[in-house]
Amino acid sequence: MTMKIMVAVKRVVDYAVKIRVKSDKSGVDTSNVKMSMNPFCEIALEEALRIKESGLASEVVAVSMGPAQCIDTLRTGLAMGADRAIHVDYSATLYPLSVAKLLKALVDVEKPGLLILGKQAIDDDCNQTGQMVAGLLNWPQGTFASKVVLDKEKKVATVDREVDGGLETLSLDLPAVITTDLRLNQPRYAKLPNIMKAKSKKIEKFTVQDLKVEIKSDLEIVQVTEPPKRKAGINVSSVDELIDKLKNEAHVI
């Protein structure tokens, strides 16, 4: 079984950056801030590349949506090993349902046998896009995947997913949607020669009009605030004092 795998990747504030809230509390300040590929998207791309390297896929296509700077994220994906990249150009904020609709439109164009996404983005933590696009496509879905095994004879994907009680194993008929959890794999680093090659690779561009998708704001951000600063800890001299403070001051026991 050879097939095409599509991987959605998102450009987010780098995980190591200390974020700042805008003075008007309308969102997070991203000016002059290092941006990177969402870590869960890196895991999704790594899994697609491993599937291809095992001989079960013929092509890996990376897709990103947003402003022109998303091209940098796509070039990172190409340097990691993706065969092609697609950029859906859109300057305003995209929320999960709109992303899911755009992904469905791209699936209709590209006809992949597997769509892999990170389970969530570290900027909004929505954890919704994979489930929504699976619903729009009417494809089976395996979310929070910690292990993925493809059966080329039966054309199914077996997915171990992490749930509160442990692991749940699903068998999905292909085509399917899979969202990746943290422990699925360790993404590779892009090698310098591949980074240089990726700079000259062509990235296919679409607009929302090309894909015939109507984008409308289905969410409104009322206010973004920083969490309250934590009080400094204290040392206690005995177990009895600890229990007393937990009971009478913290009120947690």
Protein backbone atom coordinates (compact mmCIF):
# COMPACT_ATOMS: atom_id res chain seq x y z
CA MET A 1 0.00 0.00 0.00
CA THR A 2 1.44 3.34 -1.05
CA MET A 3 -0.43 6.50 -0.31
CA LYS A 4 -0.10 10.21 0.25
CA ILE A 5 -0.01 11.59 3.78
CA MET A 6 -1.04 15.17 4.50
CA VAL A 7 0.29 16.83 7.65
CA ALA A 8 -1.03 20.11 9.05
CA VAL A 9 1.62 22.29 10.72
CA LYS A 10 1.10 25.52 12.62
CA ARG A 11 3.38 28.49 13.27
CA VAL A 12 3.31 29.41 16.97
CA VAL A 13 5.34 31.34 19.52
CA ASP A 14 8.36 29.19 20.37
CA TYR A 15 7.78 27.05 23.46
CA ALA A 16 10.83 28.52 25.21
CA VAL A 17 9.66 32.14 24.89
CA LYS A 18 8.06 33.89 27.86
CA ILE A 19 4.90 35.33 26.37
CA ARG A 20 3.65 38.86 26.99
CA VAL A 21 0.04 39.97 26.95
CA LYS A 22 -0.74 43.09 24.90
CA SER A 23 -1.42 46.24 26.89
CA ASP A 24 -5.02 46.36 25.63
CA LYS A 25 -5.51 42.69 26.69
CA SER A 26 -6.65 41.75 23.19
CA GLY A 27 -4.18 38.89 22.86
CA VAL A 28 -0.54 37.85 23.07
CA ASP A 29 2.18 40.15 21.75
CA THR A 30 3.98 38.35 18.89
CA SER A 31 6.06 41.27 17.62
CA ASN A 32 9.82 40.56 17.64
CA VAL A 33 9.15 37.15 19.16
CA LYS A 34 10.74 33.90 18.00
CA MET A 35 8.21 31.71 16.17
CA SER A 36 8.53 27.98 15.52
CA MET A 37 6.59 24.96 14.36
CA ASN A 38 4.11 23.80 16.99
CA PRO A 39 5.78 20.89 18.87
CA PHE A 40 2.81 18.56 18.39
CA CYS A 41 2.91 19.33 14.65
CA GLU A 42 6.59 18.35 14.61
CA ILE A 43 5.58 15.00 16.08
CA ALA A 44 2.86 14.61 13.43
CA LEU A 45 5.33 15.33 10.64
CA GLU A 46 7.93 12.98 12.11
CA GLU A 47 5.37 10.16 12.21
CA ALA A 48 4.41 10.77 8.58
CA LEU A 49 8.07 10.68 7.57
CA ARG A 50 8.64 7.43 9.45
CA ILE A 51 5.63 5.86 7.74
CA LYS A 52 7.01 6.91 4.37
CA GLU A 53 10.48 5.61 5.22
CA SER A 54 8.94 2.24 6.11
CA GLY A 55 7.59 2.01 2.56
CA LEU A 56 3.91 2.48 3.45
CA ALA A 57 3.53 5.96 1.94
CA SER A 58 4.72 7.50 -1.30
CA GLU A 59 4.54 11.21 -0.43
CA VAL A 60 4.32 13.52 2.56
CA VAL A 61 2.68 16.92 2.02
CA ALA A 62 2.97 19.62 4.70
CA VAL A 63 0.21 22.23 4.92
CA SER A 64 0.11 25.49 6.86
CA MET A 65 -2.46 28.30 7.02
CA GLY A 66 -1.96 31.92 7.91
CA PRO A 67 0.16 34.93 6.90
CA ALA A 68 3.23 34.83 4.65
CA GLN A 69 5.51 34.04 7.60
CA CYS A 70 4.01 30.53 7.68
CA ILE A 71 6.27 29.79 4.72
CA ASP A 72 9.20 29.65 7.16
CA THR A 73 7.41 26.91 9.07
CA LEU A 74 6.78 25.02 5.86
CA ARG A 75 10.44 25.27 4.88
CA THR A 76 11.29 23.70 8.24
CA GLY A 77 8.93 20.87 7.31
CA LEU A 78 10.61 20.48 3.92
CA ALA A 79 14.02 20.43 5.59
CA MET A 80 12.82 17.65 7.90
CA GLY A 81 11.86 15.59 4.87
CA ALA A 82 8.42 16.54 3.56
CA ASP A 83 8.15 16.16 -0.23
CA ARG A 84 5.88 19.12 -0.90
CA ALA A 85 4.40 22.07 0.95
CA ILE A 86 1.15 24.00 0.60
CA HIS A 87 0.47 27.44 2.06
CA VAL A 88 -3.07 28.74 2.46
CA ASP A 89 -2.59 32.49 2.59
CA TYR A 90 -4.81 34.26 5.11
CA SER A 91 -3.79 37.28 7.18
CA ALA A 92 -6.49 37.30 9.85
CA THR A 93 -6.89 34.92 12.79
CA LEU A 94 -8.11 31.43 11.93
CA TYR A 95 -10.08 29.46 14.48
CA PRO A 96 -10.40 25.64 14.55
CA LEU A 97 -13.63 25.29 12.54
CA SER A 98 -12.28 27.49 9.74
CA VAL A 99 -9.01 25.52 9.70
CA ALA A 100 -10.97 22.27 9.57
CA LYS A 101 -13.00 23.53 6.59
CA LEU A 102 -9.84 24.57 4.76
CA LEU A 103 -8.22 21.20 5.47
CA LYS A 104 -11.29 19.41 4.12
CA ALA A 105 -11.05 21.47 0.94
CA LEU A 106 -7.38 20.59 0.57
CA VAL A 107 -8.13 16.91 1.18
CA ASP A 108 -10.67 17.09 -1.64
CA VAL A 109 -7.90 18.45 -3.89
CA GLU A 110 -4.98 16.27 -2.77
CA LYS A 111 -6.82 13.00 -1.97
CA PRO A 112 -4.48 11.79 0.82
CA GLY A 113 -4.97 8.41 2.45
CA LEU A 114 -4.07 9.75 5.88
CA LEU A 115 -4.33 13.16 7.53
CA ILE A 116 -2.11 13.70 10.58
CA LEU A 117 -2.23 16.68 12.92
CA GLY A 118 -0.83 17.56 16.32
CA LYS A 119 -3.45 17.01 19.00
CA GLN A 120 -3.36 20.73 19.85
CA ALA A 121 -1.38 23.91 19.35
CA ILE A 122 0.54 25.34 22.29
CA ASP A 123 -0.76 28.86 21.65
CA ASP A 124 -4.52 28.35 21.98
CA ASP A 125 -4.63 24.75 23.31
CA CYS A 126 -7.95 24.24 21.52
CA ASN A 127 -7.57 20.53 20.68
CA GLN A 128 -10.48 20.75 18.22
CA THR A 129 -9.27 20.87 14.61
CA GLY A 130 -8.55 17.15 14.17
CA GLN A 131 -11.94 16.13 15.50
CA MET A 132 -13.74 18.75 13.43
CA VAL A 133 -12.07 17.86 10.13
CA ALA A 134 -12.75 14.17 10.75
CA GLY A 135 -16.43 15.04 11.21
CA LEU A 136 -16.51 17.16 8.05
CA LEU A 137 -14.81 14.41 6.03
CA ASN A 138 -16.81 11.63 7.70
CA TRP A 139 -13.51 9.81 8.28
CA PRO A 140 -12.64 7.70 11.32
CA GLN A 141 -10.38 9.42 13.83
CA GLY A 142 -7.74 8.38 16.33
CA THR A 143 -6.86 11.23 18.69
CA PHE A 144 -4.01 11.55 21.23
CA ALA A 145 -2.07 8.81 19.41
CA SER A 146 0.92 7.39 21.29
CA LYS A 147 1.50 4.59 18.76
CA VAL A 148 0.48 4.18 15.10
CA VAL A 149 0.75 0.94 13.11
CA LEU A 150 -0.41 0.64 9.50
CA ASP A 151 -1.52 -2.68 7.99
CA LYS A 152 -0.89 -2.53 4.24
CA GLU A 153 -2.94 -5.68 3.56
CA LYS A 154 -6.10 -4.72 5.47
CA LYS A 155 -5.71 -0.97 4.77
CA VAL A 156 -6.27 -0.10 8.42
CA ALA A 157 -4.41 1.93 11.02
CA THR A 158 -4.12 0.68 14.58
CA VAL A 159 -3.81 3.56 17.02
CA ASP A 160 -2.95 3.41 20.71
CA ARG A 161 -4.35 6.52 22.34
CA GLU A 162 -3.78 7.87 25.82
CA VAL A 163 -6.90 8.19 27.96
CA ASP A 164 -7.40 8.88 31.66
CA GLY A 165 -7.52 5.19 32.55
CA GLY A 166 -4.49 4.15 30.50
CA LEU A 167 -4.30 3.17 26.82
CA GLU A 168 -7.13 2.57 24.36
CA THR A 169 -6.48 0.78 21.06
CA LEU A 170 -8.52 1.67 17.97
CA SER A 171 -8.59 0.12 14.51
CA LEU A 172 -9.34 2.72 11.83
CA ASP A 173 -10.26 2.03 8.22
CA LEU A 174 -8.27 4.26 5.88
CA PRO A 175 -8.55 7.06 4.93
CA ALA A 176 -8.50 8.41 8.48
CA VAL A 177 -7.52 11.34 10.67
CA ILE A 178 -4.91 10.91 13.41
CA THR A 179 -3.85 13.48 16.01
CA THR A 180 -0.54 12.98 17.78
CA ASP A 181 0.33 13.02 21.46
CA LEU A 182 3.64 13.88 23.07
CA ARG A 183 4.97 10.34 23.50
CA LEU A 184 4.42 9.14 19.92
CA ASN A 185 7.99 9.88 18.80
CA GLN A 186 11.00 12.18 19.07
CA PRO A 187 11.10 14.51 16.04
CA ARG A 188 14.34 14.66 14.08
CA TYR A 189 16.44 17.78 13.65
CA ALA A 190 16.68 19.19 10.15
CA LYS A 191 20.22 18.82 8.78
CA LEU A 192 22.00 21.87 7.38
CA PRO A 193 22.17 20.57 3.77
CA ASN A 194 18.42 19.90 3.86
CA ILE A 195 17.76 23.36 5.31
CA MET A 196 19.66 24.90 2.40
CA LYS A 197 17.82 22.75 -0.15
CA ALA A 198 14.45 23.64 1.38
CA LYS A 199 15.07 27.34 0.72
CA SER A 200 14.84 26.76 -3.03
CA LYS A 201 11.87 24.39 -3.04
CA LYS A 202 8.63 25.70 -4.46
CA ILE A 203 5.70 26.07 -2.07
CA GLU A 204 2.25 25.82 -3.61
CA LYS A 205 -0.06 28.67 -2.64
CA PHE A 206 -3.84 28.73 -2.23
CA THR A 207 -6.24 31.39 -1.04
CA VAL A 208 -9.51 30.76 0.75
CA GLN A 209 -11.24 31.88 -2.45
CA ASP A 210 -9.37 29.23 -4.44
CA LEU A 211 -10.65 26.60 -2.01
CA LYS A 212 -14.17 28.06 -2.02
CA VAL A 213 -14.30 28.23 1.77
CA GLU A 214 -16.19 31.00 3.53
CA ILE A 215 -14.32 32.20 6.62
CA LYS A 216 -16.41 33.75 9.34
CA SER A 217 -15.53 34.51 12.93
CA ASP A 218 -17.32 32.00 15.13
CA LEU A 219 -15.42 33.03 18.26
CA GLU A 220 -14.78 36.33 19.98
CA ILE A 221 -11.85 36.84 22.33
CA VAL A 222 -13.20 39.02 25.08
CA GLN A 223 -10.00 39.47 27.07
CA VAL A 224 -6.60 37.87 27.57
CA THR A 225 -4.95 38.26 30.97
CA GLU A 226 -1.84 36.87 32.60
CA PRO A 227 -2.34 34.36 35.42
CA PRO A 228 -1.93 35.81 38.92
CA LYS A 229 1.59 35.74 40.27
CA ARG A 230 2.23 32.90 42.68
CA LYS A 231 3.16 33.68 46.25
CA ALA A 232 6.57 32.61 47.45
CA GLY A 233 6.74 29.28 49.25
CA ILE A 234 7.57 28.86 52.91
CA ASN A 235 9.47 26.31 54.96
CA VAL A 236 7.71 24.45 57.75
CA SER A 237 9.41 22.93 60.75
CA SER A 238 7.26 19.86 61.21
CA VAL A 239 4.59 17.63 59.67
CA ASP A 240 2.07 18.96 62.17
CA GLU A 241 2.72 22.53 61.03
CA LEU A 242 2.39 21.46 57.38
CA ILE A 243 -0.97 19.79 58.05
CA ASP A 244 -2.16 22.81 60.00
CA LYS A 245 -1.32 25.20 57.17
CA LEU A 246 -2.86 22.95 54.50
CA LYS A 247 -6.04 22.70 56.56
CA ASN A 248 -6.45 26.20 57.98
CA GLU A 249 -4.69 28.44 55.42
CA ALA A 250 -4.80 26.65 52.07
CA HIS A 251 -8.07 24.86 52.88
CA VAL A 252 -7.14 21.86 50.74
CA ILE A 253 -7.66 19.17 53.39
